Amino acid sequence: MELIYKSTRNPEEHATASVAILKGLANDGGLFVPDSIPALDKSLDELAKMDYRQVALNVMKLMLTDFTEEELNYCINSAYDDKFDTKEIAPLNKKSTGYFLELFHGSTIAFKDMALSILPYLLTTAAKKNNVKNDIVILTATSGDTGKAALAGFADVPGTKIIVFYPKNGVSPIQEKQMVTQTGDNTFVVGIEGNFDDAQTGVKKMFSDEAFCSLLDSKGYQFSSANSINIGRLVPQMVYYVYAYTRLIAEGEIKSGEKINVVVPTGNFGNILAAYYAKEMGVPINKFICASNENKVLYDFFDTGCYNRNREFILTSSPSMDILISSNLERLIYRIAGNDAVKNRELMEALTGKGEYVITDSMKEGLKDFYGNYATEEETAATIKKIYDTDKYIIDTHTAVAAAVYDKYKAETGDNMPAVIASTASPYKFTRSVMNAIDKEYDRKSDFELVDELCRLSGVKVPNAIEEIRTAPVRHNTVCDKEAMPDEVKKFLGI
């Protein structure tokens, strides 16, 4: 049965999976959502006998129904190859705190690789299926990790160009160096004078600017997105939650059907929404533990039912979560509003206009499987040190936010059900914050001295993603005001 994707803001706008991936965003600014979530058609015990690629096929064929299995196998096998430094692709690492699902073994050492390694193949396959003649311009805002992962995925892919906007002073030095040294004639990186929300808002405005899109079309271009607003990002993320559960079965940690908790550090809400969709497919997840840093807009939402972005934007040591407008939450709001696009649009217009919206009591009922909390900067650092002291295991700042919030959840609830903690980035991406958490004396060393010290302490080889930027020349040094983002796009495309 073919799955149809609908806009969260317009009940009349429908698309096949391939068209939804091509467009990225619906015409009215809404996000594409499946009209239903199909149940897994293999048992969890059967899936436990499969490797990552096989699990991916069994999830994605149900969600992307206008792709053939041959097409999906091509995309999956092209993506999940030796770009990943472990044959498991997403290994589970059992420690005293819980099961860390290591999502950072791809080419840019962040969880974004899990989806952005496959998105270029899904997108170019979708373009062929729909007889698209235009070059596709991937327009992306990043809070640090999406940008590099998207650049690496799309670099020199025929028929595509990729433009990444990032907050100039809002990412880690390693994250910035990864982006500005990116090779590829079709790549363009721009720092903006503003924060991630400014970059994300600017990108969304360009998507919904009909005159701009018409101009692009006349020059042989069309926009698509590599952000998690694109359903082609979200579906591959569902895979690793199915895979994680089946690894617990395979390793004898649980029996099929036993419930687990999932802990996710998130700012834009895409990573935890993928877990929610995995549960809808049949993965027995008890609680979705939503971990925020000091930009705790999601914690406040789960606590009060009011989403309010009218607050100070805080730069933290977990910059990929420094977000006040959680785009993917819209997909959950649409669901708990009874798939009511009109109601959802009203709430999103209130967010744009007044900077806040309040959900009804009946909608709050739809959030009962979610628990929200946050970690301060001090708690994040203390958690890195505690896990290092206890397990000799070094985690990054985002994973530490999740582990700190999970400790709070257990203390509040007494729930010791097995928990999968999404470990979203390698500590090598945030060496200074990580090493300072272990010992303040490290702050006197340079960034790359810290890399070598982290290698010595952790026993984990320095990833190629870090080695290659030690001496790589800067290729992108454009910086602009947030209002000038469309001008930079035009300049790069020569229009």
Protein backbone atom coordinates (compact mmCIF):
# COMPACT_ATOMS: atom_id res chain seq x y z
CA MET A 1 0.00 0.00 0.00
CA GLU A 2 1.41 3.38 -0.99
CA LEU A 3 2.09 5.75 1.87
CA ILE A 4 1.08 9.36 1.18
CA TYR A 5 2.73 12.36 2.81
CA LYS A 6 0.64 15.35 3.86
CA SER A 7 1.51 18.90 4.85
CA THR A 8 1.14 19.70 8.55
CA ARG A 9 -0.48 23.02 7.58
CA ASN A 10 -2.66 22.27 4.56
CA PRO A 11 -4.95 19.22 4.36
CA GLU A 12 -5.08 19.56 0.56
CA GLU A 13 -1.33 19.21 -0.08
CA HIS A 14 -0.25 15.60 -0.64
CA ALA A 15 2.94 14.05 -2.00
CA THR A 16 4.54 10.68 -2.59
CA ALA A 17 7.65 9.91 -0.54
CA SER A 18 9.98 10.77 -3.42
CA VAL A 19 8.26 14.13 -4.09
CA ALA A 20 8.30 14.96 -0.35
CA ILE A 21 12.06 14.26 -0.29
CA LEU A 22 12.62 16.38 -3.39
CA LYS A 23 10.66 19.35 -2.06
CA GLY A 24 11.95 19.19 1.52
CA LEU A 25 9.25 21.57 2.73
CA ALA A 26 5.58 21.78 1.72
CA ASN A 27 4.44 24.78 -0.38
CA ASP A 28 2.74 26.42 2.61
CA GLY A 29 5.77 26.10 4.88
CA GLY A 30 4.40 22.97 6.54
CA LEU A 31 6.34 19.75 7.05
CA PHE A 32 5.52 16.53 5.26
CA VAL A 33 4.22 13.74 7.51
CA PRO A 34 3.07 10.22 6.61
CA ASP A 35 -0.70 9.74 6.60
CA SER A 36 -0.09 6.66 8.79
CA ILE A 37 2.87 4.81 10.29
CA PRO A 38 2.92 1.21 9.06
CA ALA A 39 3.72 -1.63 11.46
CA LEU A 40 6.94 -3.58 10.95
CA ASP A 41 6.23 -6.61 8.80
CA LYS A 42 9.05 -8.69 10.31
CA SER A 43 9.14 -9.74 13.96
CA LEU A 44 11.66 -8.10 16.29
CA ASP A 45 13.32 -11.51 16.71
CA GLU A 46 13.71 -11.79 12.92
CA LEU A 47 15.17 -8.28 12.74
CA ALA A 48 17.61 -9.18 15.54
CA LYS A 49 19.28 -11.62 13.13
CA MET A 50 19.88 -8.88 10.53
CA ASP A 51 22.72 -6.40 10.08
CA TYR A 52 22.24 -2.62 9.91
CA ARG A 53 21.68 -2.51 6.15
CA GLN A 54 19.04 -5.23 6.27
CA VAL A 55 17.20 -3.50 9.13
CA ALA A 56 17.36 -0.25 7.15
CA LEU A 57 15.71 -1.89 4.14
CA ASN A 58 12.94 -3.36 6.29
CA VAL A 59 12.13 0.02 7.83
CA MET A 60 12.56 2.21 4.78
CA LYS A 61 10.59 0.08 2.32
CA LEU A 62 7.52 0.62 4.55
CA MET A 63 8.00 4.39 4.78
CA LEU A 64 9.24 5.17 1.26
CA THR A 65 6.76 3.11 -0.70
CA ASP A 66 7.29 4.60 -4.16
CA PHE A 67 10.94 3.50 -4.12
CA THR A 68 11.59 -0.06 -5.34
CA GLU A 69 13.56 -2.44 -3.12
CA GLU A 70 16.31 -2.36 -5.75
CA GLU A 71 16.48 1.44 -5.51
CA LEU A 72 16.49 1.36 -1.71
CA ASN A 73 19.22 -1.30 -1.63
CA TYR A 74 21.34 0.87 -3.93
CA CYS A 75 20.87 3.88 -1.62
CA ILE A 76 21.49 1.87 1.57
CA ASN A 77 24.58 0.01 0.32
CA SER A 78 26.07 3.22 -1.12
CA ALA A 79 25.56 5.06 2.18
CA TYR A 80 26.48 2.52 4.84
CA ASP A 81 29.85 1.39 3.52
CA ASP A 82 33.44 2.01 4.59
CA LYS A 83 32.61 5.67 5.28
CA PHE A 84 31.75 4.23 8.69
CA ASP A 85 34.67 3.07 10.81
CA THR A 86 32.80 0.13 12.35
CA LYS A 87 30.96 -2.72 10.64
CA GLU A 88 28.04 -2.36 13.08
CA ILE A 89 27.46 1.21 11.75
CA ALA A 90 25.76 2.18 15.05
CA PRO A 91 27.21 0.04 17.88
CA LEU A 92 25.68 -0.18 21.35
CA ASN A 93 28.20 0.32 24.14
CA LYS A 94 27.06 -0.96 27.54
CA LYS A 95 28.26 1.15 30.49
CA SER A 96 27.11 1.61 34.08
CA THR A 97 24.79 4.49 33.06
CA GLY A 98 23.02 2.62 30.25
CA TYR A 99 23.46 1.51 26.66
CA PHE A 100 25.15 4.24 24.63
CA LEU A 101 24.02 4.06 21.01
CA GLU A 102 27.11 5.41 19.23
CA LEU A 103 25.83 7.34 16.23
CA PHE A 104 29.12 9.05 15.41
CA HIS A 105 31.08 6.48 13.42
CA GLY A 106 30.47 8.13 10.03
CA SER A 107 32.72 10.43 8.04
CA THR A 108 32.00 13.61 10.04
CA ILE A 109 31.78 11.94 13.50
CA ALA A 110 28.25 13.10 14.37
CA PHE A 111 24.84 11.42 14.28
CA LYS A 112 23.84 13.52 11.28
CA ASP A 113 25.95 11.13 9.16
CA MET A 114 23.39 8.39 9.82
CA ALA A 115 20.87 10.17 7.61
CA LEU A 116 23.02 12.51 5.54
CA SER A 117 25.10 9.66 4.13
CA ILE A 118 21.98 8.29 2.45
CA LEU A 119 20.03 11.48 1.67
CA PRO A 120 22.05 12.35 -1.49
CA TYR A 121 21.24 8.91 -2.92
CA LEU A 122 17.56 9.16 -1.97
CA LEU A 123 17.38 12.64 -3.45
CA THR A 124 19.08 11.88 -6.77
CA THR A 125 17.02 8.68 -7.11
CA ALA A 126 13.85 10.70 -6.41
CA ALA A 127 14.88 13.26 -9.04
CA LYS A 128 15.24 10.53 -11.68
CA LYS A 129 11.91 8.96 -10.69
CA ASN A 130 10.16 12.31 -11.13
CA ASN A 131 11.99 13.38 -14.32
CA VAL A 132 13.50 16.45 -12.65
CA LYS A 133 15.72 18.37 -15.06
CA ASN A 134 16.74 21.23 -12.73
CA ASP A 135 19.86 21.14 -10.61
CA ILE A 136 18.87 20.70 -6.96
CA VAL A 137 20.14 23.35 -4.57
CA ILE A 138 20.39 21.99 -1.04
CA LEU A 139 19.74 24.89 1.30
CA THR A 140 20.68 24.14 4.89
CA ALA A 141 20.96 25.88 8.25
CA THR A 142 23.18 24.25 10.85
CA SER A 143 23.84 24.54 14.55
CA GLY A 144 27.12 22.73 13.99
CA ASP A 145 26.83 19.13 12.83
CA THR A 146 24.23 19.02 10.04
CA GLY A 147 26.30 21.43 7.95
CA LYS A 148 29.45 19.33 7.71
CA ALA A 149 27.54 16.05 7.33
CA ALA A 150 25.44 17.53 4.51
CA LEU A 151 28.50 19.05 2.82
CA ALA A 152 30.33 15.73 2.97
CA GLY A 153 27.29 13.87 1.63
CA PHE A 154 26.62 16.19 -1.31
CA ALA A 155 30.16 17.29 -2.26
CA ASP A 156 30.60 16.78 -6.01
CA VAL A 157 27.31 14.88 -6.39
CA PRO A 158 26.25 15.58 -10.01
CA GLY A 159 23.13 17.70 -10.44
CA THR A 160 23.34 19.21 -6.95
CA LYS A 161 24.73 22.27 -5.21
CA ILE A 162 24.79 22.74 -1.46
CA ILE A 163 24.73 25.99 0.53
CA VAL A 164 25.18 25.87 4.31
CA PHE A 165 24.52 28.77 6.71
CA TYR A 166 25.88 28.59 10.26
CA PRO A 167 26.03 31.04 13.21
CA LYS A 168 29.51 32.56 12.93
CA ASN A 169 30.19 32.57 16.69
CA GLY A 170 27.86 29.73 17.66
CA VAL A 171 29.72 26.50 16.81
CA SER A 172 32.82 24.81 18.23
CA PRO A 173 36.24 25.56 16.63
CA ILE A 174 36.43 21.97 15.32
CA GLN A 175 32.90 22.18 13.87
CA GLU A 176 33.75 25.43 12.09
CA LYS A 177 37.06 24.13 10.75
CA GLN A 178 35.30 21.02 9.41
CA MET A 179 32.89 23.20 7.41
CA VAL A 180 35.16 25.95 6.13
CA THR A 181 37.74 23.47 4.81
CA GLN A 182 35.14 21.47 2.85
CA THR A 183 36.17 20.62 -0.69
CA GLY A 184 33.86 20.28 -3.70
CA ASP A 185 33.07 22.75 -6.48
CA ASN A 186 29.35 22.55 -5.65
CA THR A 187 29.77 23.51 -1.96
CA PHE A 188 29.32 26.93 -0.35
CA VAL A 189 29.53 27.78 3.36
CA VAL A 190 28.40 31.09 4.90
CA GLY A 191 28.74 32.28 8.49
CA ILE A 192 25.92 34.61 9.54
CA GLU A 193 25.95 37.37 12.13
CA GLY A 194 23.21 35.81 14.25
CA ASN A 195 22.25 32.53 15.91
CA PHE A 196 21.00 29.21 14.55
CA ASP A 197 17.34 30.26 14.76
CA ASP A 198 18.17 33.24 12.52
CA ALA A 199 19.80 30.91 10.00
CA GLN A 200 16.91 28.45 10.11
CA THR A 201 14.31 31.21 9.74
CA GLY A 202 16.22 32.68 6.79
CA VAL A 203 16.32 29.31 5.03
CA LYS A 204 12.59 28.71 5.59
CA LYS A 205 11.79 32.18 4.21
CA MET A 206 13.67 31.41 1.00
CA PHE A 207 11.79 28.13 0.61
CA SER A 208 8.43 29.91 0.85
CA ASP A 209 9.41 32.94 -1.30
CA GLU A 210 7.48 32.20 -4.52
CA ALA A 211 9.21 34.94 -6.53
CA PHE A 212 12.64 33.68 -5.51
CA CYS A 213 11.71 30.06 -6.32
CA SER A 214 10.36 31.15 -9.75
CA LEU A 215 13.63 32.97 -10.45
CA LEU A 216 15.58 29.83 -9.54
CA ASP A 217 13.36 27.69 -11.76
CA SER A 218 13.93 30.03 -14.71
CA LYS A 219 17.69 29.53 -14.22
CA GLY A 220 17.42 25.73 -13.99
CA TYR A 221 17.50 25.32 -10.20
CA GLN A 222 15.14 24.22 -7.44
CA PHE A 223 15.51 24.15 -3.67
CA SER A 224 15.54 21.11 -1.43
CA SER A 225 16.64 20.70 2.17
CA ALA A 226 19.13 18.57 4.07
CA ASN A 227 17.74 19.71 7.43
CA SER A 228 15.57 17.32 9.42
CA ILE A 229 12.51 19.16 8.08
CA ASN A 230 13.11 16.83 5.09
CA ILE A 231 11.38 13.49 5.57
CA GLY A 232 14.37 11.94 3.77
CA ARG A 233 16.39 12.81 6.88
CA LEU A 234 13.84 11.58 9.39
CA VAL A 235 13.10 8.12 7.95
CA PRO A 236 16.75 6.94 8.04
CA GLN A 237 16.91 8.10 11.67
CA MET A 238 14.05 5.75 12.56
CA VAL A 239 16.26 2.86 11.51
CA TYR A 240 18.80 3.14 14.31
CA TYR A 241 16.17 2.97 17.04
CA VAL A 242 14.76 -0.24 15.53
CA TYR A 243 18.33 -1.52 15.18
CA ALA A 244 19.25 -0.61 18.79
CA TYR A 245 16.27 -2.51 20.19
CA THR A 246 17.05 -5.58 18.10
CA ARG A 247 20.73 -5.45 19.21
CA LEU A 248 19.55 -5.68 22.82
CA ILE A 249 17.66 -8.83 21.83
CA ALA A 250 20.62 -10.21 19.87
CA GLU A 251 22.99 -9.62 22.79
CA GLY A 252 20.64 -11.27 25.29
CA GLU A 253 20.05 -8.06 27.26
CA ILE A 254 16.26 -8.17 26.79
CA LYS A 255 13.62 -10.49 25.39
CA SER A 256 11.47 -9.45 22.43
CA GLY A 257 8.53 -7.38 23.65
CA GLU A 258 10.22 -6.06 26.80
CA LYS A 259 10.03 -2.27 27.04
CA ILE A 260 12.99 0.08 27.05
CA ASN A 261 13.43 3.81 27.59
CA VAL A 262 15.12 6.06 25.05
CA VAL A 263 17.14 9.13 26.08
CA VAL A 264 17.82 11.73 23.40
CA PRO A 265 19.70 15.05 23.59
CA THR A 266 17.80 17.28 21.18
CA GLY A 267 17.27 20.87 20.14
CA ASN A 268 15.41 20.61 16.85
CA PHE A 269 13.39 17.55 18.01
CA GLY A 270 14.07 15.45 14.89
CA ASN A 271 16.17 12.78 16.60
CA ILE A 272 13.60 12.06 19.31
CA LEU A 273 10.71 12.26 16.84
CA ALA A 274 12.40 9.45 14.86
CA ALA A 275 12.26 7.34 18.05
CA TYR A 276 8.56 8.20 18.43
CA TYR A 277 7.89 7.05 14.86
CA ALA A 278 9.88 3.85 15.56
CA LYS A 279 7.55 3.13 18.48
CA GLU A 280 4.57 3.67 16.14
CA MET A 281 6.11 0.98 13.91
CA GLY A 282 6.17 -1.46 16.82
CA VAL A 283 9.36 -0.91 18.86
CA PRO A 284 8.37 -1.33 22.56
CA ILE A 285 9.53 2.04 23.91
CA ASN A 286 8.18 3.07 27.31
CA LYS A 287 9.41 6.67 27.76
CA PHE A 288 11.00 9.23 25.46
CA ILE A 289 13.35 11.16 27.71
CA CYS A 290 13.91 14.53 26.03
CA ALA A 291 17.16 16.13 27.21
CA SER A 292 17.78 19.87 26.79
CA ASN A 293 20.71 22.11 27.65
CA GLU A 294 20.23 25.58 29.17
CA ASN A 295 18.19 26.56 26.09
CA LYS A 296 15.41 24.61 27.74
CA VAL A 297 12.45 25.58 25.58
CA LEU A 298 11.46 21.92 25.12
CA TYR A 299 11.67 21.16 28.85
CA ASP A 300 9.43 24.14 29.59
CA PHE A 301 6.99 22.99 26.89
CA PHE A 302 6.67 19.48 28.33
CA ASP A 303 6.34 20.96 31.82
CA THR A 304 3.69 23.61 31.04
CA GLY A 305 2.14 22.93 27.60
CA CYS A 306 3.31 26.39 26.50
CA TYR A 307 5.96 26.66 23.80
CA ASN A 308 7.63 30.05 24.25
CA ARG A 309 10.69 31.12 22.26
CA ASN A 310 10.69 34.63 23.82
CA ARG A 311 13.81 34.20 25.92
CA GLU A 312 17.54 34.75 25.93
CA PHE A 313 19.50 32.59 23.48
CA ILE A 314 22.36 30.95 25.40
CA LEU A 315 25.62 29.76 23.83
CA THR A 316 26.56 26.50 25.54
CA SER A 317 29.19 23.77 25.31
CA SER A 318 26.60 21.64 23.45
CA PRO A 319 26.06 24.04 20.52
CA SER A 320 24.15 21.64 18.27
CA MET A 321 21.29 21.98 20.77
CA ASP A 322 21.44 25.78 21.04
CA ILE A 323 18.02 26.17 19.43
CA LEU A 324 14.83 27.98 20.48
CA ILE A 325 12.61 27.05 17.52
CA SER A 326 12.36 23.25 17.40
CA SER A 327 11.15 22.71 13.85
CA ASN A 328 10.36 19.01 14.13
CA LEU A 329 8.12 19.49 17.14
CA GLU A 330 5.54 20.65 14.59
CA ARG A 331 5.17 17.06 13.38
CA LEU A 332 4.32 15.90 16.90
CA ILE A 333 1.97 18.85 17.47
CA TYR A 334 0.12 17.92 14.26
CA ARG A 335 -0.21 14.34 15.54
CA ILE A 336 -1.51 15.23 19.03
CA ALA A 337 -3.92 17.75 17.44
CA GLY A 338 -5.60 14.76 15.78
CA ASN A 339 -3.78 15.28 12.44
CA ASP A 340 -5.64 18.59 12.17
CA ALA A 341 -3.64 20.76 9.74
CA VAL A 342 -5.83 23.83 10.36
CA LYS A 343 -5.34 23.67 14.14
CA ASN A 344 -1.63 23.08 13.71
CA ARG A 345 -1.30 26.03 11.31
CA GLU A 346 -2.96 28.32 13.88
CA LEU A 347 -0.42 27.28 16.51
CA MET A 348 2.54 27.75 14.15
CA GLU A 349 1.26 31.19 13.13
CA ALA A 350 1.04 32.10 16.82
CA LEU A 351 4.67 30.99 17.24
CA THR A 352 5.73 33.17 14.29
CA GLY A 353 3.63 36.14 15.39
CA LYS A 354 3.73 36.20 19.20
CA GLY A 355 6.60 33.81 19.74
CA GLU A 356 4.52 31.30 21.67
CA TYR A 357 1.57 28.92 21.58
CA VAL A 358 -0.32 26.90 24.19
CA ILE A 359 -1.70 23.41 23.57
CA THR A 360 -5.01 22.12 24.95
CA ASP A 361 -5.38 19.68 27.84
CA SER A 362 -6.48 16.95 25.43
CA MET A 363 -3.32 17.53 23.35
CA LYS A 364 -1.23 17.28 26.53
CA GLU A 365 -2.60 13.75 26.94
CA GLY A 366 -0.78 12.85 23.72
CA LEU A 367 2.53 13.73 25.41
CA LYS A 368 2.25 11.30 28.29
CA ASP A 369 5.06 9.10 26.91
CA PHE A 370 7.47 12.05 26.98
CA TYR A 371 9.58 13.23 29.90
CA GLY A 372 11.52 16.50 29.59
CA ASN A 373 14.35 17.90 31.66
CA TYR A 374 17.57 19.85 31.18
CA ALA A 375 21.19 19.95 32.29
CA THR A 376 23.12 23.06 33.25
CA GLU A 377 26.65 23.64 31.98
CA GLU A 378 28.00 22.57 35.38
CA GLU A 379 25.91 19.37 35.38
CA THR A 380 27.03 18.55 31.83
CA ALA A 381 30.72 18.86 32.74
CA ALA A 382 30.23 16.90 35.99
CA THR A 383 28.57 14.07 34.05
CA ILE A 384 31.49 13.81 31.60
CA LYS A 385 33.90 13.52 34.55
CA LYS A 386 31.70 11.06 36.46
CA ILE A 387 31.38 8.67 33.49
CA TYR A 388 35.11 8.95 32.78
CA ASP A 389 35.97 8.22 36.42
CA THR A 390 33.50 5.33 36.63
CA ASP A 391 33.84 3.67 33.25
CA LYS A 392 36.96 5.23 31.65
CA TYR A 393 34.56 6.10 28.84
CA ILE A 394 34.66 9.61 27.36
CA ILE A 395 31.48 11.15 25.97
CA ASP A 396 30.84 14.45 24.23
CA THR A 397 28.91 17.37 25.70
CA HIS A 398 25.59 16.55 23.98
CA THR A 399 25.67 12.93 25.14
CA ALA A 400 26.52 14.23 28.62
CA VAL A 401 23.36 16.38 28.59
CA ALA A 402 21.39 13.20 27.89
CA ALA A 403 23.16 11.20 30.61
CA ALA A 404 22.65 14.00 33.17
CA VAL A 405 18.94 14.22 32.37
CA TYR A 406 18.63 10.44 32.53
CA ASP A 407 20.08 10.53 36.06
CA LYS A 408 17.41 13.09 37.00
CA TYR A 409 14.68 10.91 35.45
CA LYS A 410 15.77 7.85 37.45
CA ALA A 411 16.02 9.86 40.67
CA GLU A 412 12.49 11.24 40.15
CA THR A 413 10.78 8.05 39.01
CA GLY A 414 12.82 5.09 40.30
CA ASP A 415 12.44 3.61 36.80
CA ASN A 416 15.45 1.39 36.07
CA MET A 417 14.12 -0.10 32.83
CA PRO A 418 16.93 -0.68 30.26
CA ALA A 419 17.74 2.61 28.54
CA VAL A 420 19.29 3.41 25.17
CA ILE A 421 21.09 6.77 25.30
CA ALA A 422 21.62 8.40 21.92
CA SER A 423 25.31 9.31 21.79
CA THR A 424 25.17 11.94 19.09
CA ALA A 425 28.78 13.08 18.55
CA SER A 426 32.34 12.01 19.08
CA PRO A 427 34.10 13.75 21.96
CA TYR A 428 36.74 14.72 19.39
CA LYS A 429 34.34 17.36 18.04
CA PHE A 430 34.27 19.16 21.39
CA THR A 431 37.72 18.45 22.76
CA ARG A 432 38.19 21.60 24.86
CA SER A 433 34.86 21.34 26.67
CA VAL A 434 35.31 17.59 27.19
CA MET A 435 38.90 17.74 28.41
CA ASN A 436 38.23 20.74 30.67
CA ALA A 437 35.42 18.74 32.27
CA ILE A 438 37.89 15.98 33.10
CA ASP A 439 40.61 18.37 34.34
CA LYS A 440 40.68 22.19 34.14
CA GLU A 441 44.47 22.08 33.62
CA TYR A 442 43.90 21.01 30.01
CA ASP A 443 42.65 24.48 29.10
CA ARG A 444 46.24 25.66 28.64
CA LYS A 445 46.77 23.39 25.64
CA SER A 446 45.95 24.14 21.99
CA ASP A 447 42.97 22.49 20.26
CA PHE A 448 45.08 19.88 18.49
CA GLU A 449 47.23 19.18 21.56
CA LEU A 450 43.93 18.38 23.27
CA VAL A 451 43.03 16.02 20.44
CA ASP A 452 46.22 14.03 21.08
CA GLU A 453 45.63 14.06 24.84
CA LEU A 454 42.06 12.81 24.34
CA CYS A 455 43.44 9.97 22.24
CA ARG A 456 45.85 9.03 25.03
CA LEU A 457 43.15 9.14 27.73
CA SER A 458 40.40 7.35 25.80
CA GLY A 459 42.45 4.79 23.89
CA VAL A 460 40.31 5.67 20.86
CA LYS A 461 42.19 6.44 17.64
CA VAL A 462 41.90 10.03 16.41
CA PRO A 463 39.19 9.91 13.71
CA ASN A 464 40.15 10.70 10.12
CA ALA A 465 37.62 13.58 10.23
CA ILE A 466 39.92 15.32 12.74
CA GLU A 467 43.25 14.30 11.20
CA GLU A 468 42.28 15.71 7.81
CA ILE A 469 41.52 19.21 9.15
CA ARG A 470 44.78 19.67 11.09
CA THR A 471 46.43 21.26 8.06
CA ALA A 472 43.52 21.67 5.62
CA PRO A 473 43.31 25.14 4.04
CA VAL A 474 40.24 27.32 4.62
CA ARG A 475 38.16 27.39 1.42
CA HIS A 476 35.05 29.23 2.66
CA ASN A 477 35.35 32.57 4.47
CA THR A 478 32.10 34.34 3.55
CA VAL A 479 30.27 36.03 6.45
CA CYS A 480 27.04 37.99 6.03
CA ASP A 481 24.19 39.59 7.94
CA LYS A 482 21.11 37.38 8.29
CA GLU A 483 19.12 39.68 5.97
CA ALA A 484 21.70 39.14 3.20
CA MET A 485 21.32 35.34 3.01
CA PRO A 486 19.29 35.41 -0.27
CA ASP A 487 21.94 37.66 -1.87
CA GLU A 488 24.66 35.13 -1.03
CA VAL A 489 22.59 32.35 -2.60
CA LYS A 490 22.17 34.37 -5.79
CA LYS A 491 25.90 35.18 -5.89
CA PHE A 492 26.93 31.55 -5.54
CA LEU A 493 24.46 30.41 -8.22
CA GLY A 494 25.42 33.31 -10.52
CA ILE A 495 21.89 34.69 -10.85
